[in-house]
Amino acid sequence: MVKYVIRARVEVDGIVDKHDIVGAVFGQTEGLLGSELDLRDLQEKGRIGRISVEVRQQGSRVVGEILVPSNLDRVETALVAAMLETVDKVGPFGARVRVTDIVDVRRERIKKVVERAKEIMLTMIKEKEIDVKEILQEIESSVKAAELVYYGPEGLPAGPDVDKSDTIIIVEGRADVLNLLRYGYRSVIALEGAKGEIPETVVKLSKSKKTIAFLDGDRAGDMILKELTRVAKIDLVARAPPGREVEELAGKEIAKALKNAIPLEVYLQRLAEEEAEKVEEKVEAPPAVTVPEAEAVSEVAIPEAAVKTVESLRGTLESVVFDRSWTEIARVPVKDLVDKLIGDELKDAYAIVADGVITQRLVDVASAKGVSVLVGARIGAISKKPANLVVLTFDDVKS
């Protein structure tokens, strides 16, 4: 950004063009103050801008103004200005240059900003008196509208906007609905009264709306979510803080939990990782097992039936065990998989497809037990993989 602009009046005792004056400025100042203040060099370095000249003819002579933009400091700019006044000829004609002003561009901009700020203060910022009656009416109408209703054939506790809103919040019970209504969340519905099953009303609503499952921060919340995902479409998952229930949360806590809601797939993946970590902490190291010599395995053909199994496992936190002919021989929760392998309950296991994270622990135990293929939702931090074991992710075996 240009710091200063040098303004100088020029008078030439003859008829000349603009470029004649510019040429005279460069020619007669060249080397005058050494190479550091040579105008051509300064212009190439961007320290001096393009020199412009405006002239008009007065009889047999020309008068006008020279403008020199400068990015130099104040002292250097003053030297350049004084150097301009040494120009005394343009072509064959005598000339006189006199500096009339050095404009501080930044200060001029600040002046414009200040003036504009004054205009804004006068014309745009208008104080408005607070209408207390209007505020009271707004609060009263809001409270009246946020009344509990009973929705669908099951009579589920809900807010008044379940039908109107494009997004619904699914909670566990009536007290949760009342608490969310208290803080202005009107498109909420509870699972209460379902007698152990997910209400069909909730299932139908989930198919046509964006759904947020907002559950208590305990183990029961995870179990309810698992049941929900079997029959309903859940887009986002929000949880109360660990050990807390939705019905006891304050407004800020509710807002924070809903703001931090995450996609269902991401939540289930995190849940699987947590379960895997718990298993690793709980299970002691397996006894030393002599692994029979085997050829290194680099690739394996996954049959179509096994590929379909991969798709069906997503979100279940279960694992399926196959024998060498790719026949299913067992289904085991991911959290129990390592224990089952160590206890020799899966002796004929050749391949395992697990809706969880493949950890170094699982790799070590599976390899020791003669498993040849491991397929998981995600591969964790594995520092050592046996040559006789193929490790893949769900995405690797998509049909």
Protein backbone atom coordinates (compact mmCIF):
# COMPACT_ATOMS: atom_id res chain seq x y z
CA MET A 1 0.00 0.00 0.00
CA VAL A 2 1.30 3.48 -0.94
CA LYS A 3 2.38 5.53 2.09
CA TYR A 4 2.89 8.98 0.54
CA VAL A 5 2.16 10.88 -2.68
CA ILE A 6 4.52 13.71 -3.70
CA ARG A 7 2.70 16.54 -5.52
CA ALA A 8 4.85 18.98 -7.50
CA ARG A 9 3.98 21.88 -9.86
CA VAL A 10 5.89 21.94 -13.13
CA GLU A 11 6.30 24.85 -15.60
CA VAL A 12 8.04 24.45 -18.98
CA ASP A 13 8.94 27.36 -21.27
CA GLY A 14 7.80 25.58 -24.39
CA ILE A 15 5.32 23.03 -25.77
CA VAL A 16 6.15 19.50 -24.56
CA ASP A 17 4.27 16.23 -23.89
CA LYS A 18 3.78 14.33 -20.63
CA HIS A 19 6.37 11.69 -21.50
CA ASP A 20 8.95 14.46 -22.11
CA ILE A 21 8.51 15.65 -18.53
CA VAL A 22 8.69 12.08 -17.11
CA GLY A 23 11.85 11.46 -19.16
CA ALA A 24 13.41 14.64 -17.83
CA VAL A 25 12.64 13.61 -14.23
CA PHE A 26 14.35 10.22 -14.66
CA GLY A 27 17.23 11.58 -16.73
CA GLN A 28 18.18 14.55 -14.60
CA THR A 29 17.91 12.77 -11.23
CA GLU A 30 19.79 9.61 -12.26
CA GLY A 31 22.69 8.96 -9.89
CA LEU A 32 22.16 12.26 -8.11
CA LEU A 33 21.84 10.66 -4.66
CA GLY A 34 23.52 7.36 -5.45
CA SER A 35 22.08 4.02 -6.53
CA GLU A 36 19.98 3.61 -3.36
CA LEU A 37 17.73 6.53 -4.33
CA ASP A 38 17.83 6.12 -8.11
CA LEU A 39 14.24 6.47 -9.32
CA ARG A 40 14.46 3.67 -11.90
CA ASP A 41 15.84 1.19 -9.37
CA LEU A 42 13.27 2.25 -6.78
CA GLN A 43 10.48 1.79 -9.29
CA GLU A 44 11.67 -1.70 -10.21
CA LYS A 45 11.71 -2.65 -6.54
CA GLY A 46 8.21 -1.29 -5.99
CA ARG A 47 9.40 1.44 -3.63
CA ILE A 48 8.28 4.17 -6.03
CA GLY A 49 5.06 3.88 -8.01
CA ARG A 50 4.26 4.96 -11.56
CA ILE A 51 5.04 8.68 -12.02
CA SER A 52 2.09 10.49 -13.57
CA VAL A 53 1.91 13.96 -15.10
CA GLU A 54 -1.09 16.16 -15.88
CA VAL A 55 -0.39 19.23 -18.10
CA ARG A 56 -2.20 22.01 -19.89
CA GLN A 57 -1.00 24.56 -22.39
CA GLN A 58 -0.88 28.24 -21.48
CA GLY A 59 0.08 30.26 -24.54
CA SER A 60 3.58 29.21 -25.57
CA ARG A 61 4.33 27.23 -22.44
CA VAL A 62 3.04 24.20 -20.49
CA VAL A 63 2.10 23.99 -16.80
CA GLY A 64 0.96 20.99 -14.85
CA GLU A 65 1.40 18.67 -11.88
CA ILE A 66 3.68 15.70 -11.23
CA LEU A 67 2.46 12.92 -8.89
CA VAL A 68 4.98 10.44 -7.42
CA PRO A 69 3.60 7.57 -5.23
CA SER A 70 6.11 6.51 -2.55
CA ASN A 71 6.50 3.48 -0.29
CA LEU A 72 9.69 4.94 1.24
CA ASP A 73 9.87 6.28 4.76
CA ARG A 74 9.35 9.99 5.53
CA VAL A 75 13.01 10.98 5.25
CA GLU A 76 13.61 9.14 1.99
CA THR A 77 10.35 10.50 0.53
CA ALA A 78 11.44 14.05 1.42
CA LEU A 79 14.80 13.46 -0.33
CA VAL A 80 13.06 12.24 -3.48
CA ALA A 81 10.77 15.28 -3.38
CA ALA A 82 13.73 17.64 -3.08
CA MET A 83 15.46 15.78 -5.91
CA LEU A 84 12.50 16.53 -8.21
CA GLU A 85 13.12 20.25 -7.77
CA THR A 86 16.56 19.88 -9.39
CA VAL A 87 14.91 19.33 -12.79
CA ASP A 88 15.52 22.55 -14.75
CA LYS A 89 15.07 21.53 -18.39
CA VAL A 90 12.57 19.53 -20.43
CA GLY A 91 14.01 18.93 -23.87
CA PRO A 92 15.46 22.24 -25.13
CA PHE A 93 13.19 24.32 -22.88
CA GLY A 94 13.82 25.70 -19.44
CA ALA A 95 11.69 24.26 -16.65
CA ARG A 96 10.88 24.76 -12.99
CA VAL A 97 9.58 22.10 -10.54
CA ARG A 98 8.28 23.02 -7.09
CA VAL A 99 6.93 20.51 -4.52
CA THR A 100 3.53 21.70 -3.30
CA ASP A 101 2.58 18.90 -0.92
CA ILE A 102 3.41 15.43 0.39
CA VAL A 103 0.17 13.61 1.14
CA ASP A 104 0.14 10.98 3.92
CA VAL A 105 -2.18 8.47 2.24
CA ARG A 106 -2.78 6.46 5.40
CA ARG A 107 -3.84 9.54 7.33
CA GLU A 108 -6.22 10.53 4.55
CA ARG A 109 -7.77 7.07 4.66
CA ILE A 110 -8.19 7.31 8.41
CA LYS A 111 -9.94 10.65 7.95
CA LYS A 112 -12.36 9.07 5.48
CA VAL A 113 -13.02 6.18 7.89
CA VAL A 114 -13.73 8.61 10.71
CA GLU A 115 -16.07 10.67 8.55
CA ARG A 116 -17.90 7.56 7.42
CA ALA A 117 -18.20 6.38 11.01
CA LYS A 118 -19.85 9.68 11.91
CA GLU A 119 -22.35 9.21 9.08
CA ILE A 120 -23.14 5.70 10.26
CA MET A 121 -23.68 6.90 13.81
CA LEU A 122 -26.05 9.62 12.62
CA THR A 123 -28.04 7.74 10.00
CA MET A 124 -27.88 4.01 10.73
CA ILE A 125 -27.64 3.39 14.46
CA LYS A 126 -30.99 4.37 15.83
CA GLU A 127 -31.94 3.54 19.36
CA LYS A 128 -35.33 1.95 19.78
CA GLU A 129 -37.32 2.13 22.96
CA ILE A 130 -37.97 -1.24 24.60
CA ASP A 131 -41.63 -2.17 24.50
CA VAL A 132 -42.11 -4.17 27.72
CA LYS A 133 -45.67 -5.14 26.81
CA GLU A 134 -44.48 -6.58 23.51
CA ILE A 135 -41.82 -8.67 25.29
CA LEU A 136 -44.34 -10.00 27.83
CA GLN A 137 -46.77 -10.95 25.08
CA GLU A 138 -44.04 -12.76 23.19
CA ILE A 139 -43.03 -14.77 26.27
CA GLU A 140 -46.64 -15.58 27.11
CA SER A 141 -47.46 -16.80 23.59
CA SER A 142 -44.29 -18.90 23.54
CA VAL A 143 -45.11 -20.61 26.83
CA LYS A 144 -48.69 -21.29 25.78
CA ALA A 145 -47.60 -22.87 22.51
CA ALA A 146 -45.02 -25.14 24.14
CA GLU A 147 -47.51 -27.51 25.76
CA LEU A 148 -47.12 -31.27 25.94
CA VAL A 149 -49.21 -33.27 23.47
CA TYR A 150 -49.78 -36.99 23.03
CA TYR A 151 -48.92 -38.07 19.52
CA GLY A 152 -49.89 -41.05 17.37
CA PRO A 153 -51.95 -44.16 18.19
CA GLU A 154 -49.50 -45.02 20.99
CA GLY A 155 -50.10 -41.64 22.67
CA LEU A 156 -46.40 -40.76 22.79
CA PRO A 157 -45.42 -37.64 24.81
CA ALA A 158 -44.34 -35.00 22.29
CA GLY A 159 -43.99 -31.33 21.48
CA PRO A 160 -46.54 -29.45 19.35
CA ASP A 161 -44.29 -29.14 16.28
CA VAL A 162 -43.52 -32.82 15.60
CA ASP A 163 -45.64 -32.74 12.44
CA LYS A 164 -44.54 -29.28 11.26
CA SER A 165 -40.77 -29.52 11.67
CA ASP A 166 -38.36 -31.15 9.21
CA THR A 167 -36.27 -32.35 12.16
CA ILE A 168 -37.38 -34.32 15.22
CA ILE A 169 -35.56 -35.02 18.47
CA ILE A 170 -36.17 -38.51 19.86
CA VAL A 171 -35.82 -38.83 23.64
CA GLU A 172 -36.47 -41.62 26.12
CA GLY A 173 -39.35 -40.43 28.32
CA ARG A 174 -42.04 -37.90 29.14
CA ALA A 175 -39.82 -36.00 31.60
CA ASP A 176 -37.24 -35.50 28.83
CA VAL A 177 -39.91 -34.01 26.55
CA LEU A 178 -41.08 -31.62 29.27
CA ASN A 179 -37.52 -30.46 29.94
CA LEU A 180 -36.81 -29.76 26.26
CA LEU A 181 -40.14 -27.92 25.88
CA ARG A 182 -39.13 -25.75 28.85
CA TYR A 183 -36.18 -24.48 26.80
CA GLY A 184 -38.02 -24.02 23.51
CA TYR A 185 -37.42 -27.33 21.71
CA ARG A 186 -40.86 -28.09 20.28
CA SER A 187 -40.25 -30.89 17.75
CA VAL A 188 -39.46 -33.57 20.31
CA ILE A 189 -41.03 -37.02 20.85
CA ALA A 190 -40.49 -39.74 23.45
CA LEU A 191 -40.24 -43.52 23.16
CA GLU A 192 -42.20 -43.94 26.40
CA GLY A 193 -45.07 -46.43 26.41
CA ALA A 194 -43.53 -48.70 23.78
CA LYS A 195 -43.48 -51.80 26.05
CA GLY A 196 -39.90 -52.71 25.12
CA GLU A 197 -40.32 -52.08 21.39
CA ILE A 198 -39.69 -49.00 19.28
CA PRO A 199 -43.08 -47.37 18.53
CA GLU A 200 -44.19 -47.65 14.91
CA THR A 201 -45.03 -43.92 15.00
CA VAL A 202 -41.36 -43.09 15.62
CA VAL A 203 -40.26 -45.49 12.86
CA LYS A 204 -42.56 -43.79 10.34
CA LEU A 205 -41.55 -40.27 11.39
CA SER A 206 -37.85 -41.16 11.04
CA LYS A 207 -38.33 -42.12 7.39
CA SER A 208 -39.63 -38.67 6.40
CA LYS A 209 -37.65 -36.36 8.69
CA LYS A 210 -34.14 -35.69 9.88
CA THR A 211 -33.80 -37.46 13.22
CA ILE A 212 -31.65 -36.73 16.28
CA ALA A 213 -31.51 -39.39 18.98
CA PHE A 214 -30.93 -37.52 22.26
CA LEU A 215 -30.30 -40.08 24.99
CA ASP A 216 -29.18 -40.30 28.61
CA GLY A 217 -25.46 -40.56 29.33
CA ASP A 218 -25.54 -44.14 30.63
CA ARG A 219 -25.33 -47.73 29.39
CA ALA A 220 -29.10 -47.87 28.96
CA GLY A 221 -28.84 -45.05 26.43
CA ASP A 222 -26.51 -47.17 24.28
CA MET A 223 -28.92 -50.10 24.45
CA ILE A 224 -31.87 -47.93 23.40
CA LEU A 225 -29.83 -46.51 20.52
CA LYS A 226 -29.01 -50.03 19.35
CA GLU A 227 -32.70 -50.91 19.28
CA LEU A 228 -33.53 -47.66 17.49
CA THR A 229 -30.99 -48.25 14.72
CA ARG A 230 -32.47 -51.69 13.98
CA VAL A 231 -35.85 -50.32 12.88
CA ALA A 232 -35.61 -46.52 12.52
CA LYS A 233 -33.50 -44.11 10.49
CA ILE A 234 -31.27 -42.11 12.81
CA ASP A 235 -29.18 -39.30 11.34
CA LEU A 236 -27.47 -37.78 14.38
CA VAL A 237 -26.75 -38.88 17.94
CA ALA A 238 -26.63 -36.51 20.94
CA ARG A 239 -25.88 -37.68 24.46
CA ALA A 240 -26.26 -36.19 27.90
CA PRO A 241 -22.97 -35.93 29.82
CA PRO A 242 -21.83 -39.25 31.38
CA GLY A 243 -24.03 -40.22 34.31
CA ARG A 244 -26.59 -37.47 33.55
CA GLU A 245 -30.14 -37.71 32.23
CA VAL A 246 -31.74 -35.50 29.59
CA GLU A 247 -34.57 -34.55 31.96
CA GLU A 248 -32.14 -32.90 34.43
CA LEU A 249 -30.07 -30.86 31.97
CA ALA A 250 -30.09 -27.06 31.97
CA GLY A 251 -30.75 -25.07 28.81
CA LYS A 252 -27.06 -24.46 28.03
CA GLU A 253 -26.28 -28.15 28.51
CA ILE A 254 -29.06 -29.16 26.12
CA ALA A 255 -27.89 -26.67 23.52
CA LYS A 256 -24.30 -27.91 23.81
CA ALA A 257 -25.30 -31.57 23.52
CA LEU A 258 -27.40 -30.93 20.40
CA LYS A 259 -24.70 -28.74 18.86
CA ASN A 260 -22.19 -31.55 19.35
CA ALA A 261 -24.48 -34.23 17.87
CA ILE A 262 -22.56 -36.49 15.48
CA PRO A 263 -23.59 -38.73 12.55
CA LEU A 264 -24.79 -42.19 13.58
CA GLU A 265 -21.97 -44.01 11.76
CA VAL A 266 -19.32 -41.91 13.50
CA TYR A 267 -20.93 -42.48 16.89
CA LEU A 268 -21.12 -46.26 16.40
CA GLN A 269 -17.49 -46.30 15.29
CA ARG A 270 -16.42 -44.45 18.42
CA LEU A 271 -18.50 -46.82 20.53
CA ALA A 272 -16.79 -49.78 18.91
CA GLU A 273 -13.37 -48.28 19.58
CA GLU A 274 -14.24 -47.72 23.23
CA GLU A 275 -15.45 -51.31 23.56
CA ALA A 276 -12.26 -52.57 21.94
CA GLU A 277 -10.13 -50.52 24.32
CA LYS A 278 -12.03 -51.92 27.31
CA VAL A 279 -11.47 -55.45 26.03
CA GLU A 280 -7.75 -54.81 25.60
CA GLU A 281 -7.48 -53.48 29.14
CA LYS A 282 -9.45 -56.39 30.61
CA VAL A 283 -7.96 -59.35 28.79
CA GLU A 284 -4.60 -60.65 29.97
CA ALA A 285 -1.92 -61.66 27.50
CA PRO A 286 -2.71 -65.04 25.84
CA PRO A 287 -0.54 -68.01 26.65
CA ALA A 288 2.29 -68.67 24.24
CA VAL A 289 1.04 -70.68 21.27
CA THR A 290 3.23 -72.40 18.76
CA VAL A 291 2.12 -71.26 15.32
CA PRO A 292 2.57 -73.89 12.62
CA GLU A 293 4.71 -72.90 9.69
CA ALA A 294 2.63 -71.30 6.98
CA GLU A 295 3.21 -69.55 3.73
CA ALA A 296 2.93 -65.77 3.76
CA VAL A 297 -0.58 -64.65 2.82
CA SER A 298 -0.80 -61.49 0.73
CA GLU A 299 -4.30 -61.67 -0.75
CA VAL A 300 -7.47 -63.71 -0.46
CA ALA A 301 -10.66 -64.07 -2.47
CA ILE A 302 -13.72 -62.96 -0.46
CA PRO A 303 -16.87 -64.81 -1.63
CA GLU A 304 -20.02 -62.83 -2.39
CA ALA A 305 -21.86 -64.25 0.63
CA ALA A 306 -19.15 -62.89 2.93
CA VAL A 307 -19.31 -59.48 1.21
CA LYS A 308 -23.05 -59.32 1.95
CA THR A 309 -22.29 -60.23 5.55
CA VAL A 310 -20.00 -57.18 5.75
CA GLU A 311 -22.84 -54.88 4.69
CA SER A 312 -25.32 -56.45 7.13
CA LEU A 313 -22.95 -56.06 10.09
CA ARG A 314 -22.60 -52.27 9.95
CA GLY A 315 -23.79 -50.73 13.20
CA THR A 316 -24.37 -54.06 15.00
CA LEU A 317 -21.07 -54.28 16.97
CA GLU A 318 -21.04 -58.02 16.18
CA SER A 319 -18.60 -60.30 14.42
CA VAL A 320 -19.14 -63.32 12.17
CA VAL A 321 -16.69 -66.23 12.12
CA PHE A 322 -16.17 -68.40 8.98
CA ASP A 323 -14.39 -71.72 8.49
CA ARG A 324 -12.04 -72.50 5.59
CA SER A 325 -14.97 -73.09 3.22
CA TRP A 326 -16.42 -69.66 4.13
CA THR A 327 -19.32 -71.20 5.98
CA GLU A 328 -20.57 -69.18 8.94
CA ILE A 329 -19.83 -71.04 12.18
CA ALA A 330 -20.43 -68.43 14.87
CA ARG A 331 -21.64 -64.92 15.69
CA VAL A 332 -19.90 -63.18 18.57
CA PRO A 333 -20.18 -59.63 20.02
CA VAL A 334 -17.04 -57.69 19.14
CA LYS A 335 -16.29 -57.09 22.81
CA ASP A 336 -16.14 -60.88 23.45
CA LEU A 337 -14.18 -61.84 20.33
CA VAL A 338 -10.67 -61.93 21.84
CA ASP A 339 -11.92 -63.91 24.87
CA LYS A 340 -13.57 -66.50 22.61
CA LEU A 341 -10.40 -66.90 20.54
CA ILE A 342 -8.18 -67.26 23.60
CA GLY A 343 -10.60 -69.81 25.14
CA ASP A 344 -10.41 -72.02 22.03
CA GLU A 345 -14.15 -71.66 21.45
CA LEU A 346 -13.52 -70.79 17.78
CA LYS A 347 -11.10 -73.59 16.87
CA ASP A 348 -12.07 -73.81 13.19
CA ALA A 349 -11.96 -70.07 12.57
CA TYR A 350 -10.41 -69.23 9.20
CA ALA A 351 -11.85 -65.72 8.63
CA ILE A 352 -13.48 -63.17 10.94
CA VAL A 353 -15.60 -60.19 9.90
CA ALA A 354 -16.07 -57.76 12.81
CA ASP A 355 -18.02 -54.51 13.10
CA GLY A 356 -15.27 -52.94 15.18
CA VAL A 357 -11.67 -51.80 15.20
CA ILE A 358 -8.93 -54.29 14.35
CA THR A 359 -6.40 -53.74 17.13
CA GLN A 360 -2.88 -55.08 17.59
CA ARG A 361 -4.28 -57.29 20.35
CA LEU A 362 -6.83 -58.90 18.02
CA VAL A 363 -4.21 -59.36 15.30
CA ASP A 364 -1.81 -61.12 17.70
CA VAL A 365 -4.46 -63.46 19.14
CA ALA A 366 -6.03 -64.25 15.74
CA SER A 367 -2.64 -65.05 14.22
CA ALA A 368 -1.74 -67.26 17.16
CA LYS A 369 -5.00 -69.19 16.73
CA GLY A 370 -4.47 -69.81 13.01
CA VAL A 371 -6.93 -67.25 11.62
CA SER A 372 -5.99 -66.24 8.05
CA VAL A 373 -8.35 -63.29 7.32
CA LEU A 374 -9.49 -60.37 9.50
CA VAL A 375 -12.01 -57.83 8.16
CA GLY A 376 -13.01 -54.89 10.36
CA ALA A 377 -14.83 -51.56 10.19
CA ARG A 378 -11.50 -49.83 10.74
CA ILE A 379 -7.86 -50.74 11.32
CA GLY A 380 -6.31 -49.33 14.47
CA ALA A 381 -2.66 -48.64 15.20
CA ILE A 382 -0.98 -51.90 14.18
CA SER A 383 2.78 -51.93 14.46
CA LYS A 384 3.31 -55.60 13.61
CA LYS A 385 1.28 -57.78 11.23
CA PRO A 386 2.09 -61.50 10.83
CA ALA A 387 2.83 -62.68 7.29
CA ASN A 388 0.19 -65.43 7.53
CA LEU A 389 -2.69 -62.97 8.16
CA VAL A 390 -4.64 -60.76 5.73
CA VAL A 391 -6.11 -57.62 7.36
CA LEU A 392 -8.81 -55.66 5.47
CA THR A 393 -11.45 -53.01 6.15
CA PHE A 394 -15.13 -53.05 5.19
CA ASP A 395 -14.37 -50.62 2.36
CA ASP A 396 -11.76 -53.03 0.96
CA VAL A 397 -14.38 -55.73 0.36
CA LYS A 398 -17.29 -53.68 -1.01
CA SER A 399 -19.10 -55.44 -3.81
